Amino acid sequence: MHEQSLMKDLMEKITSVSANEQNKPVDAVTVRLGALSHISADHFREHFAEASRGTIAENANLKIIVLDDINDPLAQEIILESIEIAE
């Protein structure tokens, strides 16, 4: 359930950015997974593929940066680093 709400929020942010760019397709999405975020890169990728199906981000290249510092203040976070919009 946590993953569904996470992906819903992520897709809303991606759609909003695309809407500000005349609904151009999303080429790439970069996220950072904190060391204590409780989701693996593979699991995140699976959920992203499912959530983006049929959306402006369906064909986006997903870049995942996995952090390993458990003492980082953002270690429990999943951070949307960037969204690249097609030219």
PDB file of N, CA and C in Angstrom:
ATOM      1  N   MET A   1       0.828  -1.195   0.000  1.00  0.00           N
ATOM      2  CA  MET A   1       0.000   0.000   0.000  1.00  0.00           C
ATOM      3  C   MET A   1       0.871   1.257   0.000  1.00  0.00           C
ATOM      4  N   HIS A   2       1.947   1.235   0.770  1.00  0.00           N
ATOM      5  CA  HIS A   2       2.855   2.378   0.828  1.00  0.00           C
ATOM      6  C   HIS A   2       3.387   2.710  -0.564  1.00  0.00           C
ATOM      7  N   GLU A   3       3.746   1.681  -1.320  1.00  0.00           N
ATOM      8  CA  GLU A   3       4.293   1.892  -2.656  1.00  0.00           C
ATOM      9  C   GLU A   3       3.271   2.538  -3.585  1.00  0.00           C
ATOM     10  N   GLN A   4       1.996   2.161  -3.452  1.00  0.00           N
ATOM     11  CA  GLN A   4       0.962   2.736  -4.311  1.00  0.00           C
ATOM     12  C   GLN A   4       0.814   4.233  -4.074  1.00  0.00           C
ATOM     13  N   SER A   5       0.791   4.647  -2.822  1.00  0.00           N
ATOM     14  CA  SER A   5       0.655   6.076  -2.536  1.00  0.00           C
ATOM     15  C   SER A   5       1.922   6.825  -2.937  1.00  0.00           C
ATOM     16  N   LEU A   6       3.063   6.189  -2.772  1.00  0.00           N
ATOM     17  CA  LEU A   6       4.328   6.785  -3.188  1.00  0.00           C
ATOM     18  C   LEU A   6       4.336   7.022  -4.698  1.00  0.00           C
ATOM     19  N   MET A   7       3.937   6.024  -5.461  1.00  0.00           N
ATOM     20  CA  MET A   7       3.922   6.142  -6.917  1.00  0.00           C
ATOM     21  C   MET A   7       2.855   7.121  -7.395  1.00  0.00           C
ATOM     22  N   LYS A   8       1.718   7.157  -6.718  1.00  0.00           N
ATOM     23  CA  LYS A   8       0.666   8.113  -7.076  1.00  0.00           C
ATOM     24  C   LYS A   8       1.191   9.537  -6.923  1.00  0.00           C
ATOM     25  N   ASP A   9       1.858   9.803  -5.806  1.00  0.00           N
ATOM     26  CA  ASP A   9       2.431  11.124  -5.556  1.00  0.00           C
ATOM     27  C   ASP A   9       3.507  11.456  -6.591  1.00  0.00           C
ATOM     28  N   LEU A  10       4.362  10.495  -6.889  1.00  0.00           N
ATOM     29  CA  LEU A  10       5.420  10.703  -7.871  1.00  0.00           C
ATOM     30  C   LEU A  10       4.835  11.010  -9.248  1.00  0.00           C
ATOM     31  N   MET A  11       3.834  10.249  -9.666  1.00  0.00           N
ATOM     32  CA  MET A  11       3.216  10.472 -10.979  1.00  0.00           C
ATOM     33  C   MET A  11       2.525  11.833 -11.045  1.00  0.00           C
ATOM     34  N   GLU A  12       1.934  12.274  -9.936  1.00  0.00           N
ATOM     35  CA  GLU A  12       1.307  13.600  -9.905  1.00  0.00           C
ATOM     36  C   GLU A  12       2.356  14.688 -10.107  1.00  0.00           C
ATOM     37  N   LYS A  13       3.512  14.536  -9.475  1.00  0.00           N
ATOM     38  CA  LYS A  13       4.588  15.520  -9.635  1.00  0.00           C
ATOM     39  C   LYS A  13       5.103  15.526 -11.069  1.00  0.00           C
ATOM     40  N   ILE A  14       5.308  14.345 -11.634  1.00  0.00           N
ATOM     41  CA  ILE A  14       5.801  14.237 -13.008  1.00  0.00           C
ATOM     42  C   ILE A  14       4.795  14.842 -13.979  1.00  0.00           C
ATOM     43  N   THR A  15       3.522  14.540 -13.804  1.00  0.00           N
ATOM     44  CA  THR A  15       2.467  15.074 -14.670  1.00  0.00           C
ATOM     45  C   THR A  15       2.396  16.592 -14.570  1.00  0.00           C
ATOM     46  N   SER A  16       2.563  17.113 -13.368  1.00  0.00           N
ATOM     47  CA  SER A  16       2.532  18.556 -13.160  1.00  0.00           C
ATOM     48  C   SER A  16       3.679  19.252 -13.891  1.00  0.00           C
ATOM     49  N   VAL A  17       4.870  18.686 -13.796  1.00  0.00           N
ATOM     50  CA  VAL A  17       6.023  19.267 -14.495  1.00  0.00           C
ATOM     51  C   VAL A  17       5.802  19.213 -16.003  1.00  0.00           C
ATOM     52  N   SER A  18       5.309  18.096 -16.498  1.00  0.00           N
ATOM     53  CA  SER A  18       5.042  17.953 -17.925  1.00  0.00           C
ATOM     54  C   SER A  18       3.970  18.945 -18.381  1.00  0.00           C
ATOM     55  N   ALA A  19       2.949  19.144 -17.571  1.00  0.00           N
ATOM     56  CA  ALA A  19       1.878  20.089 -17.911  1.00  0.00           C
ATOM     57  C   ALA A  19       2.426  21.505 -18.057  1.00  0.00           C
ATOM     58  N   ASN A  20       3.410  21.852 -17.240  1.00  0.00           N
ATOM     59  CA  ASN A  20       4.041  23.170 -17.338  1.00  0.00           C
ATOM     60  C   ASN A  20       4.895  23.305 -18.597  1.00  0.00           C
ATOM     61  N   GLU A  21       5.160  22.199 -19.257  1.00  0.00           N
ATOM     62  CA  GLU A  21       5.968  22.173 -20.486  1.00  0.00           C
ATOM     63  C   GLU A  21       5.120  21.718 -21.679  1.00  0.00           C
ATOM     64  N   GLN A  22       3.872  22.144 -21.733  1.00  0.00           N
ATOM     65  CA  GLN A  22       2.928  21.819 -22.813  1.00  0.00           C
ATOM     66  C   GLN A  22       2.712  20.309 -22.965  1.00  0.00           C
ATOM     67  N   ASN A  23       2.713  19.597 -21.851  1.00  0.00           N
ATOM     68  CA  ASN A  23       2.470  18.143 -21.823  1.00  0.00           C
ATOM     69  C   ASN A  23       3.419  17.348 -22.720  1.00  0.00           C
ATOM     70  N   LYS A  24       4.650  17.806 -22.800  1.00  0.00           N
ATOM     71  CA  LYS A  24       5.656  17.069 -23.566  1.00  0.00           C
ATOM     72  C   LYS A  24       5.996  15.775 -22.831  1.00  0.00           C
ATOM     73  N   PRO A  25       6.391  14.744 -23.569  1.00  0.00           N
ATOM     74  CA  PRO A  25       6.747  13.471 -22.928  1.00  0.00           C
ATOM     75  C   PRO A  25       7.940  13.622 -21.986  1.00  0.00           C
ATOM     76  N   VAL A  26       7.984  12.761 -21.013  1.00  0.00           N
ATOM     77  CA  VAL A  26       9.085  12.735 -20.053  1.00  0.00           C
ATOM     78  C   VAL A  26      10.142  11.772 -20.581  1.00  0.00           C
ATOM     79  N   ASP A  27      11.365  12.273 -20.737  1.00  0.00           N
ATOM     80  CA  ASP A  27      12.471  11.439 -21.222  1.00  0.00           C
ATOM     81  C   ASP A  27      13.131  10.645 -20.101  1.00  0.00           C
ATOM     82  N   ALA A  28      13.276  11.276 -18.933  1.00  0.00           N
ATOM     83  CA  ALA A  28      13.980  10.604 -17.840  1.00  0.00           C
ATOM     84  C   ALA A  28      13.516  11.129 -16.489  1.00  0.00           C
ATOM     85  N   VAL A  29      13.572  10.247 -15.514  1.00  0.00           N
ATOM     86  CA  VAL A  29      13.257  10.581 -14.125  1.00  0.00           C
ATOM     87  C   VAL A  29      14.402  10.039 -13.277  1.00  0.00           C
ATOM     88  N   THR A  30      14.933  10.872 -12.391  1.00  0.00           N
ATOM     89  CA  THR A  30      15.996  10.438 -11.491  1.00  0.00           C
ATOM     90  C   THR A  30      15.495  10.540 -10.060  1.00  0.00           C
ATOM     91  N   VAL A  31      15.643   9.455  -9.312  1.00  0.00           N
ATOM     92  CA  VAL A  31      15.261   9.441  -7.899  1.00  0.00           C
ATOM     93  C   VAL A  31      16.443   8.968  -7.061  1.00  0.00           C
ATOM     94  N   ARG A  32      16.443   9.391  -5.806  1.00  0.00           N
ATOM     95  CA  ARG A  32      17.432   8.931  -4.828  1.00  0.00           C
ATOM     96  C   ARG A  32      16.694   8.115  -3.776  1.00  0.00           C
ATOM     97  N   LEU A  33      17.191   6.926  -3.528  1.00  0.00           N
ATOM     98  CA  LEU A  33      16.627   6.071  -2.485  1.00  0.00           C
ATOM     99  C   LEU A  33      17.559   6.113  -1.287  1.00  0.00           C
ATOM    100  N   GLY A  34      17.051   6.611  -0.168  1.00  0.00           N
ATOM    101  CA  GLY A  34      17.846   6.653   1.047  1.00  0.00           C
ATOM    102  C   GLY A  34      18.142   5.251   1.557  1.00  0.00           C
ATOM    103  N   ALA A  35      19.209   5.135   2.332  1.00  0.00           N
ATOM    104  CA  ALA A  35      19.649   3.832   2.844  1.00  0.00           C
ATOM    105  C   ALA A  35      18.582   3.147   3.691  1.00  0.00           C
ATOM    106  N   LEU A  36      17.712   3.920   4.305  1.00  0.00           N
ATOM    107  CA  LEU A  36      16.667   3.363   5.172  1.00  0.00           C
ATOM    108  C   LEU A  36      15.273   3.571   4.579  1.00  0.00           C
ATOM    109  N   SER A  37      15.185   3.685   3.277  1.00  0.00           N
ATOM    110  CA  SER A  37      13.894   3.960   2.629  1.00  0.00           C
ATOM    111  C   SER A  37      13.011   2.723   2.508  1.00  0.00           C
ATOM    112  N   HIS A  38      13.544   1.556   2.811  1.00  0.00           N
ATOM    113  CA  HIS A  38      12.785   0.298   2.840  1.00  0.00           C
ATOM    114  C   HIS A  38      12.208  -0.111   1.494  1.00  0.00           C
ATOM    115  N   ILE A  39      12.901   0.238   0.420  1.00  0.00           N
ATOM    116  CA  ILE A  39      12.510  -0.242  -0.904  1.00  0.00           C
ATOM    117  C   ILE A  39      13.780  -0.405  -1.732  1.00  0.00           C
ATOM    118  N   SER A  40      13.883  -1.510  -2.419  1.00  0.00           N
ATOM    119  CA  SER A  40      15.062  -1.747  -3.255  1.00  0.00           C
ATOM    120  C   SER A  40      14.886  -1.041  -4.596  1.00  0.00           C
ATOM    121  N   ALA A  41      15.978  -0.849  -5.287  1.00  0.00           N
ATOM    122  CA  ALA A  41      15.926  -0.224  -6.608  1.00  0.00           C
ATOM    123  C   ALA A  41      15.078  -1.061  -7.568  1.00  0.00           C
ATOM    124  N   ASP A  42      15.231  -2.377  -7.518  1.00  0.00           N
ATOM    125  CA  ASP A  42      14.446  -3.251  -8.403  1.00  0.00           C
ATOM    126  C   ASP A  42      12.955  -3.159  -8.111  1.00  0.00           C
ATOM    127  N   HIS A  43      12.617  -3.154  -6.832  1.00  0.00           N
ATOM    128  CA  HIS A  43      11.211  -3.067  -6.431  1.00  0.00           C
ATOM    129  C   HIS A  43      10.634  -1.706  -6.856  1.00  0.00           C
ATOM    130  N   PHE A  44      11.406  -0.644  -6.656  1.00  0.00           N
ATOM    131  CA  PHE A  44      10.970   0.691  -7.060  1.00  0.00           C
ATOM    132  C   PHE A  44      10.743   0.723  -8.571  1.00  0.00           C
ATOM    133  N   ARG A  45      11.669   0.146  -9.316  1.00  0.00           N
ATOM    134  CA  ARG A  45      11.573   0.125 -10.780  1.00  0.00           C
ATOM    135  C   ARG A  45      10.293  -0.586 -11.237  1.00  0.00           C
ATOM    136  N   GLU A  46       9.971  -1.711 -10.597  1.00  0.00           N
ATOM    137  CA  GLU A  46       8.746  -2.451 -10.936  1.00  0.00           C
ATOM    138  C   GLU A  46       7.504  -1.597 -10.705  1.00  0.00           C
ATOM    139  N   HIS A  47       7.458  -0.937  -9.553  1.00  0.00           N
ATOM    140  CA  HIS A  47       6.300  -0.101  -9.235  1.00  0.00           C
ATOM    141  C   HIS A  47       6.215   1.109 -10.166  1.00  0.00           C
ATOM    142  N   PHE A  48       7.361   1.670 -10.521  1.00  0.00           N
ATOM    143  CA  PHE A  48       7.360   2.806 -11.443  1.00  0.00           C
ATOM    144  C   PHE A  48       6.824   2.382 -12.806  1.00  0.00           C
ATOM    145  N   ALA A  49       7.270   1.237 -13.297  1.00  0.00           N
ATOM    146  CA  ALA A  49       6.805   0.744 -14.603  1.00  0.00           C
ATOM    147  C   ALA A  49       5.293   0.572 -14.603  1.00  0.00           C
ATOM    148  N   GLU A  50       4.764   0.037 -13.528  1.00  0.00           N
ATOM    149  CA  GLU A  50       3.314  -0.166 -13.422  1.00  0.00           C
ATOM    150  C   GLU A  50       2.575   1.163 -13.333  1.00  0.00           C
ATOM    151  N   ALA A  51       3.074   2.073 -12.488  1.00  0.00           N
ATOM    152  CA  ALA A  51       2.395   3.354 -12.273  1.00  0.00           C
ATOM    153  C   ALA A  51       2.469   4.262 -13.497  1.00  0.00           C
ATOM    154  N   SER A  52       3.538   4.160 -14.270  1.00  0.00           N
ATOM    155  CA  SER A  52       3.707   5.056 -15.416  1.00  0.00           C
ATOM    156  C   SER A  52       3.031   4.540 -16.683  1.00  0.00           C
ATOM    157  N   ARG A  53       2.575   3.301 -16.662  1.00  0.00           N
ATOM    158  CA  ARG A  53       1.927   2.714 -17.840  1.00  0.00           C
ATOM    159  C   ARG A  53       0.732   3.579 -18.263  1.00  0.00           C
ATOM    160  N   GLY A  54       0.735   3.992 -19.528  1.00  0.00           N
ATOM    161  CA  GLY A  54      -0.356   4.799 -20.053  1.00  0.00           C
ATOM    162  C   GLY A  54      -0.263   6.276 -19.711  1.00  0.00           C
ATOM    163  N   THR A  55       0.862   6.704 -19.121  1.00  0.00           N
ATOM    164  CA  THR A  55       1.037   8.111 -18.754  1.00  0.00           C
ATOM    165  C   THR A  55       2.118   8.751 -19.615  1.00  0.00           C
ATOM    166  N   ILE A  56       2.304  10.028 -19.419  1.00  0.00           N
ATOM    167  CA  ILE A  56       3.315  10.806 -20.129  1.00  0.00           C
ATOM    168  C   ILE A  56       4.728  10.305 -19.812  1.00  0.00           C
ATOM    169  N   ALA A  57       4.871   9.535 -18.727  1.00  0.00           N
ATOM    170  CA  ALA A  57       6.183   9.031 -18.291  1.00  0.00           C
ATOM    171  C   ALA A  57       6.406   7.559 -18.638  1.00  0.00           C
ATOM    172  N   GLU A  58       5.506   6.979 -19.414  1.00  0.00           N
ATOM    173  CA  GLU A  58       5.584   5.537 -19.683  1.00  0.00           C
ATOM    174  C   GLU A  58       6.922   5.107 -20.279  1.00  0.00           C
ATOM    175  N   ASN A  59       7.476   5.894 -21.167  1.00  0.00           N
ATOM    176  CA  ASN A  59       8.730   5.514 -21.824  1.00  0.00           C
ATOM    177  C   ASN A  59       9.954   6.207 -21.232  1.00  0.00           C
ATOM    178  N   ALA A  60       9.788   6.814 -20.077  1.00  0.00           N
ATOM    179  CA  ALA A  60      10.901   7.531 -19.450  1.00  0.00           C
ATOM    180  C   ALA A  60      11.976   6.562 -18.965  1.00  0.00           C
ATOM    181  N   ASN A  61      13.209   6.996 -19.088  1.00  0.00           N
ATOM    182  CA  ASN A  61      14.338   6.262 -18.536  1.00  0.00           C
ATOM    183  C   ASN A  61      14.386   6.560 -17.033  1.00  0.00           C
ATOM    184  N   LEU A  62      14.282   5.535 -16.212  1.00  0.00           N
ATOM    185  CA  LEU A  62      14.310   5.717 -14.763  1.00  0.00           C
ATOM    186  C   LEU A  62      15.730   5.518 -14.258  1.00  0.00           C
ATOM    187  N   LYS A  63      16.281   6.569 -13.673  1.00  0.00           N
ATOM    188  CA  LYS A  63      17.619   6.506 -13.082  1.00  0.00           C
ATOM    189  C   LYS A  63      17.448   6.480 -11.565  1.00  0.00           C
ATOM    190  N   ILE A  64      18.030   5.480 -10.931  1.00  0.00           N
ATOM    191  CA  ILE A  64      17.897   5.333  -9.483  1.00  0.00           C
ATOM    192  C   ILE A  64      19.277   5.419  -8.851  1.00  0.00           C
ATOM    193  N   ILE A  65      19.422   6.341  -7.924  1.00  0.00           N
ATOM    194  CA  ILE A  65      20.659   6.488  -7.165  1.00  0.00           C
ATOM    195  C   ILE A  65      20.386   5.934  -5.773  1.00  0.00           C
ATOM    196  N   VAL A  66      21.093   4.880  -5.413  1.00  0.00           N
ATOM    197  CA  VAL A  66      20.895   4.240  -4.114  1.00  0.00           C
ATOM    198  C   VAL A  66      21.965   4.748  -3.153  1.00  0.00           C
ATOM    199  N   LEU A  67      21.521   5.365  -2.074  1.00  0.00           N
ATOM    200  CA  LEU A  67      22.438   5.887  -1.063  1.00  0.00           C
ATOM    201  C   LEU A  67      22.645   4.839   0.024  1.00  0.00           C
ATOM    202  N   ASP A  68      23.833   4.815   0.614  1.00  0.00           N
ATOM    203  CA  ASP A  68      24.109   3.787   1.616  1.00  0.00           C
ATOM    204  C   ASP A  68      24.476   4.336   2.992  1.00  0.00           C
ATOM    205  N   ASP A  69      24.401   5.641   3.175  1.00  0.00           N
ATOM    206  CA  ASP A  69      24.749   6.259   4.455  1.00  0.00           C
ATOM    207  C   ASP A  69      23.520   6.296   5.368  1.00  0.00           C
ATOM    208  N   ILE A  70      23.489   5.397   6.352  1.00  0.00           N
ATOM    209  CA  ILE A  70      22.334   5.343   7.258  1.00  0.00           C
ATOM    210  C   ILE A  70      22.284   6.537   8.204  1.00  0.00           C
ATOM    211  N   ASN A  71      23.370   7.304   8.291  1.00  0.00           N
ATOM    212  CA  ASN A  71      23.405   8.476   9.161  1.00  0.00           C
ATOM    213  C   ASN A  71      23.017   9.760   8.439  1.00  0.00           C
ATOM    214  N   ASP A  72      22.800   9.667   7.147  1.00  0.00           N
ATOM    215  CA  ASP A  72      22.368  10.822   6.370  1.00  0.00           C
ATOM    216  C   ASP A  72      21.005  11.269   6.890  1.00  0.00           C
ATOM    217  N   PRO A  73      20.788  12.574   7.061  1.00  0.00           N
ATOM    218  CA  PRO A  73      19.483  13.058   7.535  1.00  0.00           C
ATOM    219  C   PRO A  73      18.319  12.641   6.629  1.00  0.00           C
ATOM    220  N   LEU A  74      18.605  12.335   5.381  1.00  0.00           N
ATOM    221  CA  LEU A  74      17.568  11.936   4.430  1.00  0.00           C
ATOM    222  C   LEU A  74      17.579  10.432   4.165  1.00  0.00           C
ATOM    223  N   ALA A  75      18.172   9.659   5.055  1.00  0.00           N
ATOM    224  CA  ALA A  75      18.332   8.215   4.847  1.00  0.00           C
ATOM    225  C   ALA A  75      16.998   7.484   4.709  1.00  0.00           C
ATOM    226  N   GLN A  76      15.927   8.022   5.267  1.00  0.00           N
ATOM    227  CA  GLN A  76      14.623   7.358   5.189  1.00  0.00           C
ATOM    228  C   GLN A  76      13.793   7.849   4.008  1.00  0.00           C
ATOM    229  N   GLU A  77      14.346   8.746   3.237  1.00  0.00           N
ATOM    230  CA  GLU A  77      13.573   9.410   2.189  1.00  0.00           C
ATOM    231  C   GLU A  77      13.759   8.793   0.805  1.00  0.00           C
ATOM    232  N   ILE A  78      12.779   9.045  -0.037  1.00  0.00           N
ATOM    233  CA  ILE A  78      12.859   8.789  -1.473  1.00  0.00           C
ATOM    234  C   ILE A  78      12.692  10.158  -2.117  1.00  0.00           C
ATOM    235  N   ILE A  79      13.722  10.593  -2.812  1.00  0.00           N
ATOM    236  CA  ILE A  79      13.773  11.966  -3.301  1.00  0.00           C
ATOM    237  C   ILE A  79      13.702  11.995  -4.823  1.00  0.00           C
ATOM    238  N   LEU A  80      12.792  12.798  -5.336  1.00  0.00           N
ATOM    239  CA  LEU A  80      12.716  13.038  -6.774  1.00  0.00           C
ATOM    240  C   LEU A  80      13.813  14.039  -7.102  1.00  0.00           C
ATOM    241  N   GLU A  81      14.863  13.555  -7.724  1.00  0.00           N
ATOM    242  CA  GLU A  81      16.041  14.372  -8.023  1.00  0.00           C
ATOM    243  C   GLU A  81      15.819  15.258  -9.246  1.00  0.00           C
ATOM    244  N   SER A  82      15.304  14.673 -10.331  1.00  0.00           N
ATOM    245  CA  SER A  82      15.096  15.466 -11.544  1.00  0.00           C
ATOM    246  C   SER A  82      14.112  14.783 -12.493  1.00  0.00           C
ATOM    247  N   ILE A  83      13.550  15.615 -13.361  1.00  0.00           N
ATOM    248  CA  ILE A  83      12.659  15.157 -14.429  1.00  0.00           C
ATOM    249  C   ILE A  83      13.148  15.816 -15.707  1.00  0.00           C
ATOM    250  N   GLU A  84      13.436  15.011 -16.715  1.00  0.00           N
ATOM    251  CA  GLU A  84      13.875  15.545 -18.002  1.00  0.00           C
ATOM    252  C   GLU A  84      12.716  15.437 -18.990  1.00  0.00           C
ATOM    253  N   ILE A  85      12.376  16.576 -19.580  1.00  0.00           N
ATOM    254  CA  ILE A  85      11.258  16.667 -20.516  1.00  0.00           C
ATOM    255  C   ILE A  85      11.802  16.681 -21.944  1.00  0.00           C
ATOM    256  N   ALA A  86      11.101  16.027 -22.850  1.00  0.00           N
ATOM    257  CA  ALA A  86      11.511  15.998 -24.262  1.00  0.00           C
ATOM    258  C   ALA A  86      11.535  17.404 -24.834  1.00  0.00           C
ATOM    259  N   GLU A  87      12.440  17.624 -25.758  1.00  0.00           N
ATOM    260  CA  GLU A  87      12.558  18.937 -26.420  1.00  0.00           C
ATOM    261  C   GLU A  87      11.454  19.126 -27.426  1.00  0.00           C
TER     262      GLU A  87
END
